[in-house]
Amino acid sequence: MVGVFMISKVYDIVKGDTTKPAETQHPKMPTTPPVITGEMSNMDTEKAARYWTQFNVQMNYYNMQIADYNCKMSAWTDGNSQGMGIFNRALDIGIWDQVKDMTATTTWTWLDSHYTKSSIRATGTLPVHQGLPV
């Protein structure tokens, strides 16, 4: 099954190397400066214009950050959906009903903890059958 994940390029998401961006990574929009009005004095107008210049620089940086965040979020969402689609096609309906609300990573971990034989999980190799000809 790992091969199917590798072919569809979602193995990093399934094994947990690529994670969903945290909500704390979402960039914060800069605060809007005061609006320049006709009633302002020349000094206030110049000060507000400088604020707007700084705001435009901060807004450009914010737009780059939000584009990067949205790209990461989109890539993770697409990969997670593809991984869950593979699980949907591969798993029995009873097992699928238990994992359909999980992410691909938590599904993989859940399947590993419930269905991997302990002798394989402990050693990392297949058990040796004694007495059988090789």
N, C-alpha and C. Protein backbone atom coordinates (compact mmCIF):
# COMPACT_ATOMS: atom_id res chain seq x y z
N MET A 1 0.82 -1.20 0.00
CA MET A 1 0.00 0.00 0.00
C MET A 1 0.87 1.26 0.00
N VAL A 2 2.05 1.15 0.58
CA VAL A 2 2.96 2.29 0.62
C VAL A 2 3.30 2.73 -0.80
N GLY A 3 3.46 1.76 -1.70
CA GLY A 3 3.77 2.08 -3.08
C GLY A 3 2.72 2.94 -3.74
N VAL A 4 1.45 2.68 -3.44
CA VAL A 4 0.36 3.48 -4.00
C VAL A 4 0.47 4.92 -3.52
N PHE A 5 0.81 5.10 -2.24
CA PHE A 5 0.97 6.46 -1.71
C PHE A 5 2.15 7.15 -2.36
N MET A 6 3.23 6.42 -2.62
CA MET A 6 4.41 7.02 -3.25
C MET A 6 4.11 7.41 -4.69
N ILE A 7 3.39 6.56 -5.42
CA ILE A 7 3.05 6.86 -6.80
C ILE A 7 2.17 8.11 -6.88
N SER A 8 1.22 8.23 -5.97
CA SER A 8 0.33 9.39 -6.00
C SER A 8 0.92 10.61 -5.29
N LYS A 9 2.15 10.49 -4.82
CA LYS A 9 2.91 11.59 -4.21
C LYS A 9 2.25 12.14 -2.94
N VAL A 10 1.64 11.27 -2.15
CA VAL A 10 1.05 11.70 -0.89
C VAL A 10 1.66 10.96 0.30
N TYR A 11 2.74 10.22 0.07
CA TYR A 11 3.35 9.44 1.15
C TYR A 11 3.86 10.33 2.28
N ASP A 12 4.41 11.51 1.96
CA ASP A 12 4.89 12.41 3.01
C ASP A 12 3.76 12.87 3.92
N ILE A 13 2.59 13.05 3.36
CA ILE A 13 1.44 13.45 4.18
C ILE A 13 0.96 12.28 5.02
N VAL A 14 0.90 11.08 4.43
CA VAL A 14 0.41 9.91 5.16
C VAL A 14 1.35 9.56 6.31
N LYS A 15 2.65 9.61 6.09
CA LYS A 15 3.57 9.24 7.18
C LYS A 15 3.83 10.39 8.14
N GLY A 16 3.33 11.59 7.84
CA GLY A 16 3.39 12.71 8.78
C GLY A 16 4.54 13.66 8.60
N ASP A 17 5.34 13.51 7.53
CA ASP A 17 6.44 14.45 7.29
C ASP A 17 5.94 15.82 6.86
N THR A 18 4.86 15.85 6.11
CA THR A 18 4.23 17.10 5.70
C THR A 18 2.97 17.27 6.53
N THR A 19 2.89 18.36 7.27
CA THR A 19 1.75 18.56 8.17
C THR A 19 0.93 19.78 7.74
N LYS A 20 -0.28 19.81 8.23
CA LYS A 20 -1.17 20.94 7.95
C LYS A 20 -0.62 22.18 8.66
N PRO A 21 -0.58 23.32 7.97
CA PRO A 21 -0.12 24.55 8.64
C PRO A 21 -1.02 24.89 9.84
N ALA A 22 -0.40 25.24 10.94
CA ALA A 22 -1.15 25.57 12.15
C ALA A 22 -1.87 26.90 11.97
N GLU A 23 -2.93 27.07 12.72
CA GLU A 23 -3.69 28.32 12.66
C GLU A 23 -2.82 29.49 13.13
N THR A 24 -1.86 29.22 14.00
CA THR A 24 -0.97 30.28 14.48
C THR A 24 -0.01 30.75 13.39
N GLN A 25 0.17 29.96 12.32
CA GLN A 25 1.03 30.36 11.22
C GLN A 25 0.31 31.28 10.24
N HIS A 26 -0.99 31.45 10.41
CA HIS A 26 -1.75 32.32 9.52
C HIS A 26 -1.29 33.75 9.75
N PRO A 27 -0.85 34.45 8.69
CA PRO A 27 -0.35 35.82 8.86
C PRO A 27 -1.44 36.78 9.33
N LYS A 28 -1.01 37.76 10.10
CA LYS A 28 -1.93 38.78 10.61
C LYS A 28 -1.88 40.00 9.69
N MET A 29 -3.05 40.49 9.35
CA MET A 29 -3.14 41.67 8.48
C MET A 29 -2.74 42.91 9.27
N PRO A 30 -1.95 43.81 8.65
CA PRO A 30 -1.56 45.04 9.36
C PRO A 30 -2.77 45.95 9.59
N THR A 31 -2.68 46.77 10.63
CA THR A 31 -3.79 47.68 10.94
C THR A 31 -3.81 48.84 9.95
N THR A 32 -5.01 49.24 9.60
CA THR A 32 -5.20 50.31 8.62
C THR A 32 -4.94 51.66 9.27
N PRO A 33 -4.14 52.52 8.64
CA PRO A 33 -3.89 53.86 9.20
C PRO A 33 -5.12 54.76 9.04
N PRO A 34 -5.08 55.94 9.65
CA PRO A 34 -6.23 56.85 9.56
C PRO A 34 -6.44 57.35 8.12
N VAL A 35 -7.69 57.62 7.81
CA VAL A 35 -8.05 58.12 6.48
C VAL A 35 -7.66 59.60 6.38
N ILE A 36 -7.07 59.94 5.23
CA ILE A 36 -6.69 61.34 5.00
C ILE A 36 -7.93 62.11 4.55
N THR A 37 -8.27 63.15 5.30
CA THR A 37 -9.47 63.95 4.97
C THR A 37 -9.05 65.39 4.69
N GLY A 38 -9.97 66.14 4.16
CA GLY A 38 -9.73 67.56 3.85
C GLY A 38 -9.60 68.42 5.08
N GLU A 39 -10.12 67.98 6.22
CA GLU A 39 -10.08 68.80 7.43
C GLU A 39 -8.74 68.72 8.14
N MET A 40 -7.84 67.85 7.71
CA MET A 40 -6.55 67.68 8.39
C MET A 40 -5.62 68.84 8.04
N SER A 41 -4.76 69.17 8.98
CA SER A 41 -3.73 70.19 8.69
C SER A 41 -2.66 69.55 7.81
N ASN A 42 -1.81 70.38 7.24
CA ASN A 42 -0.74 69.86 6.37
C ASN A 42 0.16 68.87 7.10
N MET A 43 0.46 69.18 8.37
CA MET A 43 1.33 68.30 9.15
C MET A 43 0.66 66.95 9.38
N ASP A 44 -0.62 66.96 9.73
CA ASP A 44 -1.35 65.70 9.94
C ASP A 44 -1.48 64.92 8.64
N THR A 45 -1.66 65.63 7.54
CA THR A 45 -1.78 64.98 6.23
C THR A 45 -0.47 64.29 5.86
N GLU A 46 0.66 64.97 6.10
CA GLU A 46 1.97 64.37 5.80
C GLU A 46 2.22 63.15 6.68
N LYS A 47 1.84 63.26 7.96
CA LYS A 47 2.01 62.15 8.89
C LYS A 47 1.15 60.96 8.47
N ALA A 48 -0.08 61.21 8.10
CA ALA A 48 -0.97 60.14 7.64
C ALA A 48 -0.46 59.53 6.33
N ALA A 49 0.12 60.35 5.45
CA ALA A 49 0.67 59.83 4.20
C ALA A 49 1.84 58.89 4.47
N ARG A 50 2.67 59.25 5.46
CA ARG A 50 3.78 58.35 5.83
C ARG A 50 3.24 57.04 6.39
N TYR A 51 2.18 57.12 7.20
CA TYR A 51 1.55 55.90 7.73
C TYR A 51 1.05 55.02 6.58
N TRP A 52 0.45 55.65 5.57
CA TRP A 52 -0.07 54.88 4.44
C TRP A 52 1.07 54.25 3.63
N THR A 53 2.21 54.92 3.52
CA THR A 53 3.37 54.34 2.84
C THR A 53 3.86 53.10 3.59
N GLN A 54 3.98 53.22 4.91
CA GLN A 54 4.38 52.07 5.73
C GLN A 54 3.36 50.95 5.62
N PHE A 55 2.09 51.33 5.62
CA PHE A 55 1.03 50.32 5.50
C PHE A 55 1.13 49.57 4.18
N ASN A 56 1.41 50.27 3.08
CA ASN A 56 1.53 49.61 1.78
C ASN A 56 2.69 48.62 1.76
N VAL A 57 3.81 48.97 2.39
CA VAL A 57 4.95 48.05 2.48
C VAL A 57 4.56 46.82 3.30
N GLN A 58 3.92 47.06 4.44
CA GLN A 58 3.48 45.94 5.29
C GLN A 58 2.44 45.08 4.58
N MET A 59 1.57 45.71 3.81
CA MET A 59 0.53 44.98 3.09
C MET A 59 1.13 44.10 1.99
N ASN A 60 2.17 44.59 1.30
CA ASN A 60 2.85 43.78 0.30
C ASN A 60 3.47 42.54 0.94
N TYR A 61 4.12 42.72 2.08
CA TYR A 61 4.71 41.60 2.81
C TYR A 61 3.62 40.63 3.28
N TYR A 62 2.53 41.18 3.78
CA TYR A 62 1.40 40.34 4.21
C TYR A 62 0.84 39.53 3.04
N ASN A 63 0.71 40.16 1.88
CA ASN A 63 0.19 39.44 0.71
C ASN A 63 1.10 38.29 0.30
N MET A 64 2.42 38.47 0.41
CA MET A 64 3.35 37.38 0.11
C MET A 64 3.21 36.25 1.12
N GLN A 65 3.08 36.62 2.39
CA GLN A 65 2.93 35.60 3.44
C GLN A 65 1.62 34.84 3.29
N ILE A 66 0.53 35.53 3.01
CA ILE A 66 -0.78 34.86 2.89
C ILE A 66 -0.81 33.97 1.66
N ALA A 67 -0.14 34.37 0.58
CA ALA A 67 -0.06 33.53 -0.61
C ALA A 67 0.71 32.25 -0.31
N ASP A 68 1.81 32.36 0.43
CA ASP A 68 2.60 31.19 0.81
C ASP A 68 1.79 30.27 1.73
N TYR A 69 1.10 30.86 2.70
CA TYR A 69 0.26 30.08 3.62
C TYR A 69 -0.85 29.36 2.86
N ASN A 70 -1.51 30.07 1.95
CA ASN A 70 -2.60 29.46 1.18
C ASN A 70 -2.09 28.34 0.29
N CYS A 71 -0.89 28.50 -0.27
CA CYS A 71 -0.29 27.47 -1.11
C CYS A 71 0.01 26.21 -0.28
N LYS A 72 0.59 26.39 0.91
CA LYS A 72 0.88 25.25 1.79
C LYS A 72 -0.41 24.56 2.22
N MET A 73 -1.42 25.35 2.57
CA MET A 73 -2.70 24.79 3.02
C MET A 73 -3.37 24.02 1.89
N SER A 74 -3.33 24.56 0.69
CA SER A 74 -3.94 23.90 -0.47
C SER A 74 -3.22 22.59 -0.80
N ALA A 75 -1.90 22.61 -0.75
CA ALA A 75 -1.13 21.39 -1.04
C ALA A 75 -1.43 20.31 -0.01
N TRP A 76 -1.50 20.70 1.27
CA TRP A 76 -1.80 19.72 2.31
C TRP A 76 -3.22 19.18 2.16
N THR A 77 -4.18 20.05 1.91
CA THR A 77 -5.58 19.63 1.76
C THR A 77 -5.74 18.67 0.59
N ASP A 78 -5.11 19.00 -0.55
CA ASP A 78 -5.19 18.12 -1.71
C ASP A 78 -4.56 16.76 -1.43
N GLY A 79 -3.36 16.77 -0.83
CA GLY A 79 -2.68 15.51 -0.51
C GLY A 79 -3.45 14.67 0.49
N ASN A 80 -3.99 15.33 1.52
CA ASN A 80 -4.78 14.60 2.52
C ASN A 80 -6.03 14.00 1.88
N SER A 81 -6.68 14.73 1.00
CA SER A 81 -7.88 14.21 0.32
C SER A 81 -7.53 13.02 -0.57
N GLN A 82 -6.39 13.10 -1.27
CA GLN A 82 -5.97 11.98 -2.10
C GLN A 82 -5.65 10.76 -1.25
N GLY A 83 -4.93 10.98 -0.14
CA GLY A 83 -4.61 9.88 0.76
C GLY A 83 -5.86 9.22 1.33
N MET A 84 -6.81 10.04 1.76
CA MET A 84 -8.05 9.48 2.30
C MET A 84 -8.86 8.77 1.20
N GLY A 85 -8.76 9.25 -0.03
CA GLY A 85 -9.42 8.57 -1.14
C GLY A 85 -8.83 7.19 -1.38
N ILE A 86 -7.51 7.08 -1.25
CA ILE A 86 -6.85 5.78 -1.39
C ILE A 86 -7.30 4.86 -0.26
N PHE A 87 -7.34 5.37 0.95
CA PHE A 87 -7.84 4.57 2.08
C PHE A 87 -9.28 4.13 1.84
N ASN A 88 -10.11 5.03 1.33
CA ASN A 88 -11.51 4.72 1.06
C ASN A 88 -11.65 3.55 0.11
N ARG A 89 -10.80 3.54 -0.93
CA ARG A 89 -10.88 2.46 -1.92
C ARG A 89 -10.29 1.15 -1.40
N ALA A 90 -9.33 1.24 -0.46
CA ALA A 90 -8.60 0.05 -0.04
C ALA A 90 -9.19 -0.63 1.20
N LEU A 91 -9.88 0.11 2.03
CA LEU A 91 -10.32 -0.45 3.31
C LEU A 91 -11.73 -1.02 3.23
N ASP A 92 -11.97 -2.01 4.06
CA ASP A 92 -13.29 -2.58 4.22
C ASP A 92 -14.22 -1.51 4.80
N ILE A 93 -15.50 -1.58 4.49
CA ILE A 93 -16.46 -0.55 4.90
C ILE A 93 -16.52 -0.38 6.42
N GLY A 94 -16.37 -1.47 7.15
CA GLY A 94 -16.39 -1.38 8.62
C GLY A 94 -15.21 -0.61 9.17
N ILE A 95 -14.05 -0.83 8.57
CA ILE A 95 -12.85 -0.10 9.00
C ILE A 95 -12.94 1.35 8.52
N TRP A 96 -13.41 1.54 7.28
CA TRP A 96 -13.53 2.90 6.74
C TRP A 96 -14.44 3.76 7.60
N ASP A 97 -15.54 3.18 8.10
CA ASP A 97 -16.46 3.95 8.95
C ASP A 97 -15.78 4.45 10.22
N GLN A 98 -14.75 3.73 10.68
CA GLN A 98 -14.05 4.14 11.90
C GLN A 98 -13.02 5.23 11.63
N VAL A 99 -12.52 5.32 10.40
CA VAL A 99 -11.42 6.26 10.12
C VAL A 99 -11.79 7.40 9.19
N LYS A 100 -12.99 7.43 8.67
CA LYS A 100 -13.33 8.42 7.62
C LYS A 100 -13.27 9.87 8.09
N ASP A 101 -13.37 10.13 9.38
CA ASP A 101 -13.31 11.51 9.87
C ASP A 101 -11.92 11.91 10.32
N MET A 102 -10.92 11.03 10.16
CA MET A 102 -9.54 11.32 10.54
C MET A 102 -8.79 11.91 9.36
N THR A 103 -7.58 12.39 9.63
CA THR A 103 -6.69 12.80 8.54
C THR A 103 -5.96 11.55 8.05
N ALA A 104 -5.26 11.68 6.93
CA ALA A 104 -4.53 10.54 6.38
C ALA A 104 -3.45 10.07 7.36
N THR A 105 -2.78 10.99 8.02
CA THR A 105 -1.73 10.62 8.98
C THR A 105 -2.29 9.87 10.17
N THR A 106 -3.37 10.38 10.75
CA THR A 106 -3.95 9.69 11.91
C THR A 106 -4.57 8.37 11.50
N THR A 107 -5.09 8.27 10.28
CA THR A 107 -5.61 6.99 9.79
C THR A 107 -4.49 5.98 9.68
N TRP A 108 -3.36 6.38 9.11
CA TRP A 108 -2.21 5.47 8.96
C TRP A 108 -1.72 5.01 10.33
N THR A 109 -1.62 5.93 11.28
CA THR A 109 -1.18 5.59 12.64
C THR A 109 -2.17 4.65 13.31
N TRP A 110 -3.46 4.93 13.13
CA TRP A 110 -4.51 4.10 13.72
C TRP A 110 -4.46 2.69 13.14
N LEU A 111 -4.33 2.59 11.83
CA LEU A 111 -4.24 1.27 11.19
C LEU A 111 -3.00 0.52 11.66
N ASP A 112 -1.89 1.23 11.79
CA ASP A 112 -0.65 0.61 12.25
C ASP A 112 -0.81 0.06 13.67
N SER A 113 -1.44 0.84 14.54
CA SER A 113 -1.58 0.40 15.93
C SER A 113 -2.60 -0.72 16.09
N HIS A 114 -3.59 -0.80 15.20
CA HIS A 114 -4.63 -1.81 15.33
C HIS A 114 -4.36 -3.08 14.53
N TYR A 115 -3.64 -2.99 13.43
CA TYR A 115 -3.55 -4.14 12.53
C TYR A 115 -2.14 -4.63 12.23
N THR A 116 -1.09 -4.00 12.76
CA THR A 116 0.26 -4.50 12.56
C THR A 116 0.54 -5.56 13.62
N LYS A 117 1.09 -6.70 13.18
CA LYS A 117 1.41 -7.76 14.14
C LYS A 117 2.54 -7.29 15.03
N SER A 118 2.45 -7.60 16.30
CA SER A 118 3.43 -7.11 17.27
C SER A 118 4.83 -7.63 16.98
N SER A 119 4.98 -8.84 16.47
CA SER A 119 6.32 -9.36 16.20
C SER A 119 6.99 -8.58 15.08
N ILE A 120 6.23 -8.11 14.11
CA ILE A 120 6.79 -7.32 13.02
C ILE A 120 7.09 -5.91 13.51
N ARG A 121 6.20 -5.34 14.30
CA ARG A 121 6.38 -3.97 14.78
C ARG A 121 7.58 -3.87 15.72
N ALA A 122 7.80 -4.88 16.57
CA ALA A 122 8.87 -4.82 17.55
C ALA A 122 10.24 -4.93 16.90
N THR A 123 10.38 -5.83 15.93
CA THR A 123 11.70 -6.06 15.34
C THR A 123 11.93 -5.28 14.08
N GLY A 124 10.87 -4.92 13.40
CA GLY A 124 11.01 -4.21 12.14
C GLY A 124 11.28 -5.14 10.97
N THR A 125 11.30 -6.46 11.24
CA THR A 125 11.51 -7.45 10.18
C THR A 125 10.44 -8.51 10.28
N LEU A 126 10.30 -9.27 9.24
CA LEU A 126 9.34 -10.37 9.25
C LEU A 126 9.84 -11.47 10.17
N PRO A 127 8.93 -12.20 10.85
CA PRO A 127 9.37 -13.27 11.73
C PRO A 127 9.97 -14.42 10.91
N VAL A 128 10.94 -15.10 11.52
CA VAL A 128 11.59 -16.25 10.87
C VAL A 128 10.83 -17.49 11.27
N HIS A 129 10.41 -18.26 10.28
CA HIS A 129 9.69 -19.51 10.56
C HIS A 129 10.70 -20.62 10.71
N GLN A 130 10.78 -21.19 11.89
CA GLN A 130 11.76 -22.23 12.14
C GLN A 130 11.23 -23.55 11.62
N GLY A 131 12.12 -24.34 11.08
CA GLY A 131 11.75 -25.65 10.60
C GLY A 131 11.28 -25.66 9.15
N LEU A 132 11.12 -24.49 8.56
CA LEU A 132 10.70 -24.46 7.17
C LEU A 132 11.92 -24.34 6.28
N PRO A 133 11.93 -25.07 5.17
CA PRO A 133 13.07 -24.95 4.26
C PRO A 133 13.09 -23.58 3.61
N VAL A 134 14.27 -23.05 3.43
CA VAL A 134 14.43 -21.73 2.82
C VAL A 134 14.68 -21.84 1.36
